């Protein structure tokens, strides 16, 4: 992975690799599409609990998500 990739870009890449819309991914983990959009754009602070849910959903470790920040 590119070490200059932002967390939001990494989240978008993981979602796109699975062919999911923001709404589909957000619904799958029980958050709003607006929240996921904010995390992907870097305009909202993601709670650790959501990071855990996203990491599990995308099949990566929380460490992998945190590596980019």
N, C-alpha and C. Protein backbone atom coordinates (compact mmCIF):
# COMPACT_ATOMS: atom_id res chain seq x y z
N UNK A 1 0.84 -1.18 0.00
CA UNK A 1 0.00 0.00 0.00
C UNK A 1 0.88 1.24 0.00
N UNK A 2 0.44 2.27 -0.66
CA UNK A 2 1.15 3.53 -0.72
C UNK A 2 1.15 4.18 0.66
N UNK A 3 2.33 4.51 1.18
CA UNK A 3 2.42 5.04 2.54
C UNK A 3 1.84 6.45 2.66
N UNK A 4 1.58 7.12 1.53
CA UNK A 4 1.00 8.46 1.60
C UNK A 4 -0.52 8.44 1.46
N UNK A 5 -1.11 7.26 1.33
CA UNK A 5 -2.55 7.15 1.21
C UNK A 5 -3.21 7.55 2.53
N UNK A 6 -4.26 8.33 2.44
CA UNK A 6 -4.99 8.72 3.64
C UNK A 6 -5.91 7.59 4.08
N UNK A 7 -6.36 7.68 5.31
CA UNK A 7 -7.31 6.70 5.81
C UNK A 7 -8.56 6.69 4.94
N UNK A 8 -9.06 7.86 4.60
CA UNK A 8 -10.27 7.94 3.77
C UNK A 8 -10.09 7.29 2.42
N UNK A 9 -8.95 7.54 1.79
CA UNK A 9 -8.66 6.95 0.48
C UNK A 9 -8.56 5.43 0.61
N UNK A 10 -7.97 4.98 1.70
CA UNK A 10 -7.85 3.53 1.94
C UNK A 10 -9.24 2.92 2.11
N UNK A 11 -10.11 3.57 2.85
CA UNK A 11 -11.47 3.07 3.03
C UNK A 11 -12.21 3.01 1.70
N UNK A 12 -12.08 4.07 0.89
CA UNK A 12 -12.72 4.09 -0.43
C UNK A 12 -12.21 2.95 -1.30
N UNK A 13 -10.91 2.73 -1.26
CA UNK A 13 -10.30 1.67 -2.08
C UNK A 13 -10.81 0.28 -1.66
N UNK A 14 -10.89 0.05 -0.35
CA UNK A 14 -11.40 -1.22 0.14
C UNK A 14 -12.85 -1.43 -0.27
N UNK A 15 -13.64 -0.38 -0.18
CA UNK A 15 -15.06 -0.47 -0.55
C UNK A 15 -15.21 -0.70 -2.05
N UNK A 16 -14.48 0.06 -2.84
CA UNK A 16 -14.57 -0.06 -4.30
C UNK A 16 -14.11 -1.44 -4.78
N UNK A 17 -13.10 -1.99 -4.11
CA UNK A 17 -12.60 -3.32 -4.49
C UNK A 17 -13.67 -4.39 -4.32
N UNK A 18 -14.64 -4.12 -3.48
CA UNK A 18 -15.74 -5.06 -3.25
C UNK A 18 -16.98 -4.70 -4.05
N UNK A 19 -16.88 -3.63 -4.84
CA UNK A 19 -18.00 -3.22 -5.69
C UNK A 19 -19.20 -2.71 -4.93
N UNK A 20 -18.96 -2.09 -3.77
CA UNK A 20 -20.06 -1.62 -2.92
C UNK A 20 -20.22 -0.11 -3.01
N UNK A 21 -21.46 0.32 -2.90
CA UNK A 21 -21.73 1.75 -2.74
C UNK A 21 -21.50 2.12 -1.28
N UNK A 22 -21.41 3.41 -1.02
CA UNK A 22 -21.29 3.86 0.37
C UNK A 22 -22.50 3.39 1.17
N UNK A 23 -23.67 3.50 0.59
CA UNK A 23 -24.90 3.12 1.30
C UNK A 23 -24.88 1.63 1.65
N UNK A 24 -24.43 0.78 0.72
CA UNK A 24 -24.38 -0.66 0.98
C UNK A 24 -23.39 -1.00 2.09
N UNK A 25 -22.19 -0.40 2.02
CA UNK A 25 -21.18 -0.67 3.03
C UNK A 25 -21.64 -0.16 4.40
N UNK A 26 -22.17 1.06 4.43
CA UNK A 26 -22.62 1.64 5.69
C UNK A 26 -23.74 0.81 6.31
N UNK A 27 -24.70 0.41 5.50
CA UNK A 27 -25.81 -0.39 5.99
C UNK A 27 -25.32 -1.73 6.55
N UNK A 28 -24.31 -2.29 5.93
CA UNK A 28 -23.79 -3.59 6.36
C UNK A 28 -23.18 -3.56 7.76
N UNK A 29 -22.68 -2.39 8.17
CA UNK A 29 -22.09 -2.31 9.51
C UNK A 29 -22.93 -1.47 10.47
N UNK A 30 -24.08 -0.99 10.01
CA UNK A 30 -25.00 -0.29 10.89
C UNK A 30 -24.69 1.17 11.16
N UNK A 31 -24.08 1.85 10.16
CA UNK A 31 -23.87 3.29 10.29
C UNK A 31 -24.54 3.98 9.12
N UNK A 32 -24.65 5.28 9.18
CA UNK A 32 -25.28 6.01 8.08
C UNK A 32 -24.31 6.21 6.92
N UNK A 33 -24.88 6.36 5.75
CA UNK A 33 -24.06 6.65 4.56
C UNK A 33 -23.34 7.98 4.74
N UNK A 34 -24.00 8.93 5.39
CA UNK A 34 -23.40 10.24 5.64
C UNK A 34 -22.15 10.11 6.51
N UNK A 35 -22.22 9.25 7.52
CA UNK A 35 -21.05 9.03 8.38
C UNK A 35 -19.90 8.43 7.58
N UNK A 36 -20.20 7.38 6.80
CA UNK A 36 -19.14 6.74 6.01
C UNK A 36 -18.55 7.73 5.02
N UNK A 37 -19.38 8.52 4.42
CA UNK A 37 -18.89 9.54 3.49
C UNK A 37 -17.92 10.49 4.19
N UNK A 38 -18.26 10.91 5.39
CA UNK A 38 -17.39 11.79 6.15
C UNK A 38 -16.05 11.15 6.49
N UNK A 39 -16.07 9.86 6.83
CA UNK A 39 -14.82 9.16 7.13
C UNK A 39 -13.96 9.05 5.87
N UNK A 40 -14.61 8.74 4.74
CA UNK A 40 -13.87 8.59 3.49
C UNK A 40 -13.32 9.93 3.00
N UNK A 41 -14.03 11.01 3.24
CA UNK A 41 -13.56 12.33 2.82
C UNK A 41 -12.62 12.97 3.83
N UNK A 42 -12.54 12.39 5.02
CA UNK A 42 -11.67 12.94 6.05
C UNK A 42 -12.25 14.14 6.77
N UNK A 43 -13.56 14.30 6.69
CA UNK A 43 -14.20 15.44 7.34
C UNK A 43 -14.87 15.07 8.65
N UNK A 44 -14.88 13.79 8.98
CA UNK A 44 -15.48 13.33 10.23
C UNK A 44 -14.48 12.43 10.95
N UNK A 45 -14.45 12.53 12.25
CA UNK A 45 -13.57 11.69 13.05
C UNK A 45 -14.25 10.35 13.31
N UNK A 46 -13.55 9.28 12.97
CA UNK A 46 -14.12 7.95 13.10
C UNK A 46 -13.88 7.39 14.50
N UNK A 47 -14.94 7.00 15.21
CA UNK A 47 -14.76 6.36 16.51
C UNK A 47 -14.05 5.01 16.35
N UNK A 48 -13.31 4.62 17.36
CA UNK A 48 -12.58 3.35 17.30
C UNK A 48 -13.53 2.18 17.05
N UNK A 49 -14.71 2.22 17.64
CA UNK A 49 -15.66 1.12 17.46
C UNK A 49 -16.05 0.97 15.99
N UNK A 50 -16.16 2.07 15.27
CA UNK A 50 -16.47 2.01 13.84
C UNK A 50 -15.26 1.48 13.06
N UNK A 51 -14.06 1.88 13.46
CA UNK A 51 -12.86 1.36 12.81
C UNK A 51 -12.80 -0.16 12.93
N UNK A 52 -13.16 -0.67 14.10
CA UNK A 52 -13.18 -2.12 14.30
C UNK A 52 -14.22 -2.78 13.38
N UNK A 53 -15.40 -2.19 13.30
CA UNK A 53 -16.45 -2.73 12.43
C UNK A 53 -16.02 -2.72 10.96
N UNK A 54 -15.43 -1.61 10.52
CA UNK A 54 -14.99 -1.52 9.13
C UNK A 54 -13.86 -2.49 8.83
N UNK A 55 -12.91 -2.59 9.73
CA UNK A 55 -11.80 -3.52 9.53
C UNK A 55 -12.32 -4.95 9.40
N UNK A 56 -13.23 -5.33 10.27
CA UNK A 56 -13.81 -6.68 10.22
C UNK A 56 -14.58 -6.88 8.92
N UNK A 57 -15.37 -5.90 8.54
CA UNK A 57 -16.17 -5.99 7.33
C UNK A 57 -15.30 -6.14 6.09
N UNK A 58 -14.21 -5.38 6.02
CA UNK A 58 -13.33 -5.41 4.86
C UNK A 58 -12.26 -6.50 4.95
N UNK A 59 -12.22 -7.22 6.07
CA UNK A 59 -11.28 -8.33 6.21
C UNK A 59 -9.83 -7.91 6.38
N UNK A 60 -9.64 -6.77 7.03
CA UNK A 60 -8.29 -6.28 7.33
C UNK A 60 -8.19 -6.05 8.82
N UNK A 61 -6.99 -5.84 9.31
CA UNK A 61 -6.82 -5.54 10.73
C UNK A 61 -7.00 -4.04 10.97
N UNK A 62 -7.31 -3.69 12.19
CA UNK A 62 -7.37 -2.28 12.58
C UNK A 62 -6.01 -1.65 12.37
N UNK A 63 -4.95 -2.42 12.64
CA UNK A 63 -3.59 -1.92 12.40
C UNK A 63 -3.39 -1.54 10.96
N UNK A 64 -3.94 -2.34 10.04
CA UNK A 64 -3.82 -2.03 8.62
C UNK A 64 -4.51 -0.69 8.30
N UNK A 65 -5.67 -0.45 8.89
CA UNK A 65 -6.33 0.83 8.68
C UNK A 65 -5.52 1.97 9.28
N UNK A 66 -4.97 1.76 10.46
CA UNK A 66 -4.24 2.80 11.17
C UNK A 66 -2.89 3.12 10.54
N UNK A 67 -2.33 2.18 9.79
CA UNK A 67 -1.04 2.39 9.14
C UNK A 67 -0.98 3.60 8.26
N UNK A 68 -2.08 3.99 7.70
CA UNK A 68 -2.08 5.05 6.72
C UNK A 68 -2.18 6.44 7.33
N UNK A 69 -2.45 6.53 8.62
CA UNK A 69 -2.59 7.85 9.25
C UNK A 69 -1.34 8.24 9.99
